[in-house]
């Protein structure tokens, strides 16, 4: 990944697990990433999981969480934009807006990989998606996700909120991935993801299949 501009690597141990999920995804795929930082996870999804015509929604404030330093967040959003442009084959400026980037190397619009960027809180973004879901009269017109990666705020109440709001947007058979399940940061327990993830898994146990439990916890919607 020498062509990319990354300053941190909090992701490289995830691909061996994610690679095992790819064959279980549908032919046409849609993704949601909550918390992207510099886009390392997004880039891996673009390069390894997305097919022509697939799309991913990415939501982040790019302001950092309580575990980030001001130095870590400097120019983070700029590096995200740059890395996504590189992953999609270079910026195609006439088709690039503040929230959308598409691959430049496809013959037709429908065959291009698309990245939709939402610079806002995950609560606001998911609320918009859920509101749209309720307003549409035909369910088949509602965009749903096949793969949801939750790696935003690490505060327990925020993780639980993200999971509960994103769950109705996940297709049956789709995967939800929680990052930092075994995060060892010496913070108060309510400022770690684990209690929120445990609560969600227990409450929704009738609707989930456990896929993987390690530093990440991965479930599948029945």
Protein backbone atom coordinates (compact mmCIF):
# COMPACT_ATOMS: atom_id res chain seq x y z
CA UNK A 1 0.00 0.00 0.00
CA UNK A 2 2.92 2.33 -0.63
CA UNK A 3 0.81 4.47 -2.99
CA UNK A 4 -1.52 5.39 -0.15
CA UNK A 5 -1.07 7.99 2.58
CA UNK A 6 -1.56 6.17 5.87
CA UNK A 7 -0.02 7.17 9.19
CA UNK A 8 -1.68 4.48 11.34
CA UNK A 9 -2.37 0.78 10.93
CA UNK A 10 -5.23 -0.44 13.11
CA UNK A 11 -6.60 -2.75 10.44
CA UNK A 12 -4.00 -5.09 8.93
CA UNK A 13 -4.90 -8.00 11.20
CA UNK A 14 -8.55 -8.01 9.98
CA UNK A 15 -8.20 -9.21 6.34
CA UNK A 16 -7.52 -12.91 7.15
CA UNK A 17 -10.93 -13.05 8.83
CA UNK A 18 -12.76 -10.91 6.28
CA UNK A 19 -11.44 -12.97 3.39
CA UNK A 20 -13.51 -15.88 4.67
CA UNK A 21 -16.69 -13.80 4.42
CA UNK A 22 -16.38 -12.76 0.78
CA UNK A 23 -17.74 -15.98 -0.71
CA UNK A 24 -20.90 -15.59 1.39
CA UNK A 25 -21.75 -12.14 0.02
CA UNK A 26 -24.33 -11.77 -2.77
CA UNK A 27 -23.48 -11.03 -6.39
CA UNK A 28 -24.31 -7.33 -6.01
CA UNK A 29 -23.00 -5.90 -2.76
CA UNK A 30 -23.53 -2.83 -0.62
CA UNK A 31 -21.46 -1.81 2.39
CA UNK A 32 -21.62 0.57 5.34
CA UNK A 33 -18.58 1.67 7.31
CA UNK A 34 -19.11 3.62 10.52
CA UNK A 35 -15.80 5.30 11.33
CA UNK A 36 -13.13 5.31 8.64
CA UNK A 37 -10.27 7.54 9.83
CA UNK A 38 -7.78 7.53 6.91
CA UNK A 39 -9.73 4.96 4.91
CA UNK A 40 -7.53 1.91 5.34
CA UNK A 41 -10.52 -0.37 5.88
CA UNK A 42 -12.46 1.35 3.08
CA UNK A 43 -9.59 0.83 0.67
CA UNK A 44 -9.40 -2.88 1.54
CA UNK A 45 -13.13 -3.26 0.93
CA UNK A 46 -12.86 -1.46 -2.42
CA UNK A 47 -9.93 -3.58 -3.57
CA UNK A 48 -10.98 -6.97 -2.22
CA UNK A 49 -14.73 -7.12 -1.58
CA UNK A 50 -16.41 -4.76 -4.01
CA UNK A 51 -17.27 -5.69 -7.57
CA UNK A 52 -18.11 -3.33 -10.44
CA UNK A 53 -21.40 -1.65 -9.64
CA UNK A 54 -21.10 -2.11 -5.88
CA UNK A 55 -21.23 0.82 -3.45
CA UNK A 56 -20.22 1.75 0.08
CA UNK A 57 -21.50 4.40 2.46
CA UNK A 58 -18.85 5.81 4.78
CA UNK A 59 -19.76 7.99 7.76
CA UNK A 60 -17.30 9.82 9.99
CA UNK A 61 -16.99 13.26 11.55
CA UNK A 62 -13.19 13.18 11.09
CA UNK A 63 -12.96 14.93 14.44
CA UNK A 64 -11.65 11.85 16.26
CA UNK A 65 -12.77 10.17 19.45
CA UNK A 66 -11.61 10.51 23.03
CA UNK A 67 -8.82 8.02 22.33
CA UNK A 68 -7.34 10.16 19.52
CA UNK A 69 -4.83 12.96 19.86
CA UNK A 70 -5.06 16.26 18.03
CA UNK A 71 -1.88 15.34 16.18
CA UNK A 72 -3.42 12.08 14.93
CA UNK A 73 -6.44 13.90 13.48
CA UNK A 74 -4.55 16.59 11.60
CA UNK A 75 -5.25 16.23 7.87
CA UNK A 76 -6.93 12.85 8.46
CA UNK A 77 -9.90 13.73 6.28
CA UNK A 78 -7.59 14.92 3.50
CA UNK A 79 -5.76 11.59 3.61
CA UNK A 80 -9.08 9.73 3.50
CA UNK A 81 -10.14 11.60 0.37
CA UNK A 82 -6.78 11.02 -1.25
CA UNK A 83 -6.70 7.31 -0.44
CA UNK A 84 -10.21 6.72 -1.76
CA UNK A 85 -9.38 8.53 -4.99
CA UNK A 86 -6.31 6.33 -5.44
CA UNK A 87 -8.27 3.14 -4.69
CA UNK A 88 -10.86 4.07 -7.31
CA UNK A 89 -8.27 4.73 -9.98
CA UNK A 90 -7.71 8.44 -9.51
CA UNK A 91 -10.14 11.33 -9.05
CA UNK A 92 -12.56 11.86 -11.92
CA UNK A 93 -13.27 15.44 -11.05
CA UNK A 94 -16.28 16.02 -13.27
CA UNK A 95 -18.09 13.23 -11.43
CA UNK A 96 -16.73 13.87 -7.95
CA UNK A 97 -18.63 15.88 -5.36
CA UNK A 98 -18.09 16.58 -1.69
CA UNK A 99 -19.89 13.34 -0.81
CA UNK A 100 -19.45 10.96 -3.75
CA UNK A 101 -16.51 9.36 -5.47
CA UNK A 102 -16.71 6.80 -8.25
CA UNK A 103 -14.22 4.62 -10.06
CA UNK A 104 -12.81 6.10 -13.24
CA UNK A 105 -11.99 2.86 -15.04
CA UNK A 106 -15.41 1.44 -15.92
CA UNK A 107 -17.14 1.51 -19.30
CA UNK A 108 -20.55 2.51 -17.96
CA UNK A 109 -21.84 4.31 -14.90
CA UNK A 110 -23.62 1.19 -13.63
CA UNK A 111 -20.40 -0.80 -13.53
CA UNK A 112 -18.44 1.65 -11.42
CA UNK A 113 -17.57 1.17 -7.79
CA UNK A 114 -19.03 4.03 -5.78
CA UNK A 115 -18.09 5.56 -2.43
CA UNK A 116 -20.56 7.85 -0.67
CA UNK A 117 -19.03 9.97 2.07
CA UNK A 118 -21.13 11.32 4.94
CA UNK A 119 -19.34 13.85 7.11
CA UNK A 120 -21.62 13.81 10.13
CA UNK A 121 -22.34 11.74 13.20
CA UNK A 122 -23.41 8.16 12.64
CA UNK A 123 -26.63 8.87 14.55
CA UNK A 124 -27.61 11.59 12.10
CA UNK A 125 -26.71 9.52 9.05
CA UNK A 126 -28.51 6.38 10.25
CA UNK A 127 -31.56 8.41 11.26
CA UNK A 128 -31.79 9.73 7.70
CA UNK A 129 -31.54 6.20 6.30
CA UNK A 130 -34.19 4.88 8.66
CA UNK A 131 -36.52 7.79 7.92
CA UNK A 132 -36.21 7.11 4.20
CA UNK A 133 -36.90 3.42 4.83
CA UNK A 134 -40.16 4.34 6.57
CA UNK A 135 -41.23 6.79 3.85
CA UNK A 136 -40.77 4.50 0.85
CA UNK A 137 -43.92 2.59 -0.08
CA UNK A 138 -42.14 -0.24 -1.90
CA UNK A 139 -39.55 -2.13 0.21
CA UNK A 140 -37.57 -3.14 -2.86
CA UNK A 141 -36.67 0.52 -3.40
CA UNK A 142 -35.00 0.82 0.01
CA UNK A 143 -31.19 0.51 -0.18
CA UNK A 144 -30.01 -2.08 2.33
CA UNK A 145 -26.55 -3.27 3.29
CA UNK A 146 -24.89 -6.67 3.00
CA UNK A 147 -21.90 -5.77 5.19
CA UNK A 148 -21.78 -3.28 8.07
CA UNK A 149 -18.52 -2.42 9.81
CA UNK A 150 -18.87 -0.58 13.13
CA UNK A 151 -15.68 1.20 14.16
CA UNK A 152 -16.82 4.67 15.17
CA UNK A 153 -17.01 5.98 18.70
CA UNK A 154 -15.68 3.47 21.24
CA UNK A 155 -17.94 4.70 24.03
CA UNK A 156 -20.30 1.86 24.92
CA UNK A 157 -23.54 3.82 24.59
CA UNK A 158 -22.48 5.04 21.13
CA UNK A 159 -21.54 1.55 19.95
CA UNK A 160 -24.90 0.20 21.10
CA UNK A 161 -26.72 3.06 19.38
CA UNK A 162 -24.83 2.43 16.12
CA UNK A 163 -25.65 -1.28 16.21
CA UNK A 164 -29.33 -0.85 17.03
CA UNK A 165 -29.86 1.82 14.37
CA UNK A 166 -27.92 -0.04 11.68
CA UNK A 167 -29.50 -3.46 12.28
CA UNK A 168 -32.79 -2.72 10.41
CA UNK A 169 -30.68 -1.63 7.42
CA UNK A 170 -28.83 -4.97 7.19
CA UNK A 171 -30.12 -7.54 4.73
CA UNK A 172 -30.92 -11.04 5.92
CA UNK A 173 -27.75 -13.08 5.53
CA UNK A 174 -25.66 -9.92 5.84
CA UNK A 175 -22.72 -9.46 8.18
CA UNK A 176 -22.19 -6.97 10.98
CA UNK A 177 -18.60 -6.54 12.14
CA UNK A 178 -17.73 -4.91 15.46
CA UNK A 179 -14.18 -3.67 15.80
CA UNK A 180 -12.15 -3.55 19.03
CA UNK A 181 -14.26 -6.10 20.90
CA UNK A 182 -11.21 -7.01 23.00
CA UNK A 183 -9.78 -3.49 23.09
CA UNK A 184 -7.38 -3.43 26.01
CA UNK A 185 -7.31 0.31 26.62
CA UNK A 186 -7.32 0.96 30.36
CA UNK A 187 -10.44 3.10 30.32
CA UNK A 188 -13.63 2.88 32.31
CA UNK A 189 -15.68 -0.12 31.13
CA UNK A 190 -18.39 2.16 29.76
CA UNK A 191 -15.82 3.76 27.47
CA UNK A 192 -15.04 0.49 25.68
CA UNK A 193 -17.04 -1.26 22.93
CA UNK A 194 -17.27 -4.68 24.61
CA UNK A 195 -20.19 -4.15 27.03
CA UNK A 196 -22.26 -2.63 24.25
CA UNK A 197 -21.46 -5.47 21.85
CA UNK A 198 -22.27 -8.09 24.50
CA UNK A 199 -25.58 -6.37 25.25
CA UNK A 200 -26.53 -6.18 21.59
CA UNK A 201 -25.65 -9.81 20.90
CA UNK A 202 -27.65 -10.99 23.91
CA UNK A 203 -30.72 -8.88 23.15
CA UNK A 204 -30.79 -9.79 19.46
CA UNK A 205 -29.69 -13.41 19.96
CA UNK A 206 -32.80 -14.78 18.22
CA UNK A 207 -31.92 -12.91 15.04
CA UNK A 208 -28.19 -13.56 14.79
CA UNK A 209 -25.67 -16.26 14.00
CA UNK A 210 -22.25 -15.95 15.61
CA UNK A 211 -19.54 -16.03 12.95
CA UNK A 212 -16.31 -14.99 14.67
CA UNK A 213 -15.21 -13.90 18.11
CA UNK A 214 -11.76 -12.43 18.56
CA UNK A 215 -10.43 -8.89 18.53
CA UNK A 216 -13.34 -8.32 16.18
CA UNK A 217 -16.76 -9.85 16.74
CA UNK A 218 -18.73 -10.78 13.64
CA UNK A 219 -22.38 -11.79 13.45
CA UNK A 220 -24.71 -12.72 10.59
CA UNK A 221 -28.37 -11.77 10.37
CA UNK A 222 -30.69 -14.77 10.14
